[in-house]
Amino acid sequence: MNIKDLDKEYDKLQKEYGDKNLHSIYNGGCENNPIVCFIFMNPTGRNIASYDTWKSRRSPWIGTKNIWKLFYKIDFLSPKIYEEIQTKKPQEWDEKFAEKVYEDVTKHKYFITNLGKCNQLDARPLPNTVYKQYLELLYKEIEIINPKIIITFGNQVSSILLNQNICVSKCRKRKYTKTINKKEYEIYPTYYPVGNGMRNIDLAAEDIKHIIKSKLKEK
């Protein structure tokens, strides 16, 4: 199975749980044994790939700025790409630049996805019941790309994926494991670093750098 084969299923769920005027936002980055798979919550209409006028990849965080600060802080984004992102207004992103950004993501060997692909106009909270509709598809994503480690952002996503109550402030840098299709994956919950969580971006970066450094030392 190819990762693109999942898009039709995500589109079906978009019609049920997302805004009818927006497209699903899927995933992007290194699809072959990335160092890290980063799992966020769900996309919003701030991503300019959400609309019919967009004719290229529909990957997370296109046309936004703040999350790329995190990837730059952990040395997962080239300085030149980071500077370009920070100087562009959302509407100045085009398909060519989005491809350029995700080529850099792929080069740094990480993969970006959301637990829920249901795209909303704003950042309204979604109930656990909606996110759980996406779990089996997320498992398939993980199985296909086969990441070395998984980092989940925020209490809600971390709790749903691990099927236990997680408080990220109380388990910093702690490893959890989850078996997906007979393979055990390491999962590390951390702070959500955008929106109201921007105040925690430095803590998230600190944790992620520590986790990745520790894993690379094991090699």
Protein backbone atom coordinates (compact mmCIF):
# COMPACT_ATOMS: atom_id res chain seq x y z
CA MET A 1 0.00 0.00 0.00
CA ASN A 2 1.17 3.51 -0.87
CA ILE A 3 0.65 6.47 1.48
CA LYS A 4 -1.40 8.22 -1.22
CA ASP A 5 -3.86 5.34 -1.18
CA LEU A 6 -5.16 6.67 2.15
CA ASP A 7 -6.20 10.06 0.75
CA LYS A 8 -9.60 8.87 -0.49
CA GLU A 9 -10.47 7.59 2.97
CA TYR A 10 -9.45 10.91 4.51
CA ASP A 11 -11.62 12.73 1.99
CA LYS A 12 -14.63 10.66 3.01
CA LEU A 13 -14.08 11.62 6.65
CA GLN A 14 -13.65 15.28 5.67
CA LYS A 15 -17.21 15.27 4.32
CA GLU A 16 -18.45 13.87 7.62
CA TYR A 17 -16.39 15.79 10.18
CA GLY A 18 -14.75 18.75 8.41
CA ASP A 19 -15.90 21.95 6.79
CA LYS A 20 -17.61 21.19 3.49
CA ASN A 21 -15.77 24.04 1.72
CA LEU A 22 -12.29 22.82 2.67
CA HIS A 23 -10.12 19.94 1.51
CA SER A 24 -8.43 17.42 3.77
CA ILE A 25 -4.83 18.13 4.64
CA TYR A 26 -2.89 14.86 4.51
CA ASN A 27 0.79 14.59 5.42
CA GLY A 28 4.24 15.18 3.96
CA GLY A 29 7.96 14.63 4.24
CA CYS A 30 10.20 11.57 4.26
CA GLU A 31 8.06 8.49 3.57
CA ASN A 32 10.82 5.89 3.88
CA ASN A 33 12.03 5.21 7.43
CA PRO A 34 12.13 8.82 8.68
CA ILE A 35 14.02 9.62 11.84
CA VAL A 36 10.85 11.09 13.33
CA CYS A 37 7.14 11.09 12.61
CA PHE A 38 5.58 14.22 14.13
CA ILE A 39 1.85 13.92 14.89
CA PHE A 40 -0.23 17.06 15.40
CA MET A 41 -3.99 17.47 16.03
CA ASN A 42 -5.94 18.58 12.93
CA PRO A 43 -5.59 21.24 10.22
CA THR A 44 -7.47 24.51 9.79
CA GLY A 45 -8.29 26.85 6.95
CA ARG A 46 -5.15 28.87 7.75
CA ASN A 47 -3.38 26.29 5.63
CA ILE A 48 -3.73 27.72 2.14
CA ALA A 49 -3.68 24.23 0.63
CA SER A 50 -7.19 23.84 2.06
CA TYR A 51 -8.92 25.48 -0.89
CA ASP A 52 -10.00 24.51 -4.41
CA THR A 53 -7.61 27.03 -5.95
CA TRP A 54 -4.62 25.05 -4.61
CA LYS A 55 -3.40 22.49 -7.16
CA SER A 56 -0.37 20.98 -5.45
CA ARG A 57 0.36 18.89 -2.35
CA ARG A 58 -2.02 19.21 0.59
CA SER A 59 0.49 18.88 3.42
CA PRO A 60 0.42 20.34 6.95
CA TRP A 61 1.29 23.95 7.77
CA ILE A 62 1.49 25.34 4.21
CA GLY A 63 1.19 29.14 4.35
CA THR A 64 1.92 29.37 8.09
CA LYS A 65 4.98 30.51 10.02
CA ASN A 66 5.05 29.54 13.69
CA ILE A 67 5.47 25.77 13.48
CA TRP A 68 8.50 26.17 11.23
CA LYS A 69 10.18 27.99 14.11
CA LEU A 70 10.10 24.71 16.02
CA PHE A 71 11.66 22.73 13.17
CA TYR A 72 14.33 25.40 12.80
CA LYS A 73 15.07 25.32 16.54
CA ILE A 74 15.69 21.58 16.42
CA ASP A 75 17.94 21.86 13.32
CA PHE A 76 15.38 20.18 11.07
CA LEU A 77 15.03 23.08 8.64
CA SER A 78 17.69 24.83 6.61
CA PRO A 79 18.34 28.49 7.56
CA LYS A 80 17.62 29.67 4.04
CA ILE A 81 14.20 27.97 3.90
CA TYR A 82 13.38 29.24 7.38
CA GLU A 83 14.21 32.82 6.41
CA GLU A 84 12.04 32.56 3.30
CA ILE A 85 9.11 31.22 5.33
CA GLN A 86 9.37 34.01 7.87
CA THR A 87 9.41 36.73 5.21
CA LYS A 88 6.43 35.40 3.23
CA LYS A 89 2.83 36.32 3.84
CA PRO A 90 0.42 33.35 3.64
CA GLN A 91 -0.87 34.33 0.20
CA GLU A 92 2.71 34.55 -1.09
CA TRP A 93 3.18 30.82 -0.74
CA ASP A 94 2.70 29.07 -4.07
CA GLU A 95 2.86 25.44 -5.16
CA LYS A 96 6.53 25.71 -6.11
CA PHE A 97 7.54 27.09 -2.72
CA ALA A 98 5.48 24.46 -0.86
CA GLU A 99 7.35 21.76 -2.78
CA LYS A 100 10.64 23.44 -1.92
CA VAL A 101 9.79 23.45 1.80
CA TYR A 102 8.79 19.80 1.80
CA GLU A 103 11.88 18.82 -0.17
CA ASP A 104 13.81 20.29 2.77
CA VAL A 105 11.64 18.34 5.22
CA THR A 106 12.35 15.14 3.30
CA LYS A 107 16.08 15.90 3.19
CA HIS A 108 16.09 16.19 6.99
CA LYS A 109 14.31 12.81 7.18
CA TYR A 110 11.14 13.60 9.08
CA PHE A 111 7.45 13.19 8.37
CA ILE A 112 4.63 15.53 9.39
CA THR A 113 1.04 14.43 9.86
CA ASN A 114 -2.09 15.06 11.91
CA LEU A 115 -4.12 12.55 13.87
CA GLY A 116 -7.29 14.06 12.39
CA LYS A 117 -7.28 15.20 8.80
CA CYS A 118 -10.72 16.84 9.13
CA ASN A 119 -10.09 20.44 8.18
CA GLN A 120 -11.96 23.20 10.04
CA LEU A 121 -12.21 26.93 9.35
CA ASP A 122 -10.83 27.69 12.80
CA ALA A 123 -9.02 25.97 15.66
CA ARG A 124 -12.13 24.82 17.51
CA PRO A 125 -11.56 21.79 19.76
CA LEU A 126 -12.57 18.42 18.37
CA PRO A 127 -13.94 15.65 20.61
CA ASN A 128 -12.05 12.42 21.14
CA THR A 129 -14.76 10.55 19.26
CA VAL A 130 -13.83 12.35 16.02
CA TYR A 131 -10.10 11.78 16.39
CA LYS A 132 -10.68 8.09 17.07
CA GLN A 133 -12.30 7.76 13.64
CA TYR A 134 -8.83 8.41 12.22
CA LEU A 135 -6.80 6.04 14.39
CA GLU A 136 -6.80 3.02 12.08
CA LEU A 137 -5.75 5.18 9.14
CA LEU A 138 -2.98 6.74 11.22
CA TYR A 139 -1.75 3.25 12.11
CA LYS A 140 -1.55 2.49 8.39
CA GLU A 141 0.44 5.69 7.80
CA ILE A 142 2.89 4.71 10.52
CA GLU A 143 3.19 1.18 9.17
CA ILE A 144 3.88 2.45 5.64
CA ILE A 145 6.55 5.01 6.53
CA ASN A 146 8.07 2.99 9.42
CA PRO A 147 9.59 5.84 11.49
CA LYS A 148 12.38 5.29 13.99
CA ILE A 149 10.47 7.28 16.63
CA ILE A 150 7.14 9.10 16.93
CA ILE A 151 6.62 12.43 18.66
CA THR A 152 3.06 13.42 19.57
CA PHE A 153 2.05 16.98 20.39
CA GLY A 154 -0.31 17.78 23.25
CA ASN A 155 -2.27 15.85 25.84
CA GLN A 156 -5.22 14.94 23.66
CA VAL A 157 -3.37 13.44 20.69
CA SER A 158 -0.89 11.68 22.96
CA SER A 159 -3.65 10.21 25.14
CA ILE A 160 -5.68 8.95 22.18
CA LEU A 161 -2.73 7.34 20.43
CA LEU A 162 -1.42 5.70 23.60
CA ASN A 163 -4.89 4.87 24.96
CA GLN A 164 -4.08 6.29 28.40
CA ASN A 165 -4.25 9.65 30.12
CA ILE A 166 -1.14 11.67 29.24
CA CYS A 167 -0.08 14.98 30.75
CA VAL A 168 2.90 16.16 28.72
CA SER A 169 4.23 18.39 31.50
CA LYS A 170 4.59 15.31 33.73
CA CYS A 171 6.25 12.97 31.25
CA ARG A 172 8.85 15.10 29.53
CA LYS A 173 11.32 13.04 27.47
CA ARG A 174 9.61 9.83 28.63
CA LYS A 175 9.39 6.92 26.23
CA TYR A 176 6.17 5.01 25.68
CA THR A 177 5.69 2.10 23.32
CA LYS A 178 2.85 1.00 21.10
CA THR A 179 2.58 -2.09 18.94
CA ILE A 180 1.16 -1.53 15.46
CA ASN A 181 0.81 -4.58 13.22
CA LYS A 182 3.20 -6.59 15.37
CA LYS A 183 5.91 -3.93 15.42
CA GLU A 184 6.72 -1.88 18.51
CA TYR A 185 7.19 1.87 18.07
CA GLU A 186 8.67 4.36 20.50
CA ILE A 187 6.40 7.32 21.21
CA TYR A 188 7.37 10.52 23.02
CA PRO A 189 4.63 13.01 23.99
CA THR A 190 5.58 16.66 24.20
CA TYR A 191 4.06 20.13 24.42
CA TYR A 192 1.87 21.45 21.63
CA PRO A 193 4.01 24.31 20.22
CA VAL A 194 1.58 26.52 18.27
CA GLY A 195 -1.53 28.59 18.96
CA ASN A 196 -2.02 28.88 22.71
CA GLY A 197 0.92 26.51 23.06
CA MET A 198 3.43 28.95 21.54
CA ARG A 199 4.59 29.77 25.06
CA ASN A 200 5.84 26.18 25.26
CA ILE A 201 7.73 26.08 21.96
CA ASP A 202 11.13 26.28 23.64
CA LEU A 203 10.21 23.44 26.02
CA ALA A 204 9.03 21.32 23.10
CA ALA A 205 12.25 22.05 21.20
CA GLU A 206 14.36 21.19 24.25
CA ASP A 207 12.60 17.85 24.68
CA ILE A 208 12.75 16.91 21.00
CA LYS A 209 16.46 17.73 20.67
CA HIS A 210 17.21 15.64 23.75
CA ILE A 211 15.16 12.68 22.45
CA ILE A 212 16.70 12.73 18.99
CA LYS A 213 20.24 13.14 20.33
CA SER A 214 19.72 10.20 22.67
CA LYS A 215 18.41 8.02 19.85
CA LEU A 216 21.28 8.90 17.53
CA LYS A 217 23.75 7.97 20.28
CA GLU A 218 22.27 4.47 20.32
CA LYS A 219 23.28 3.89 16.70
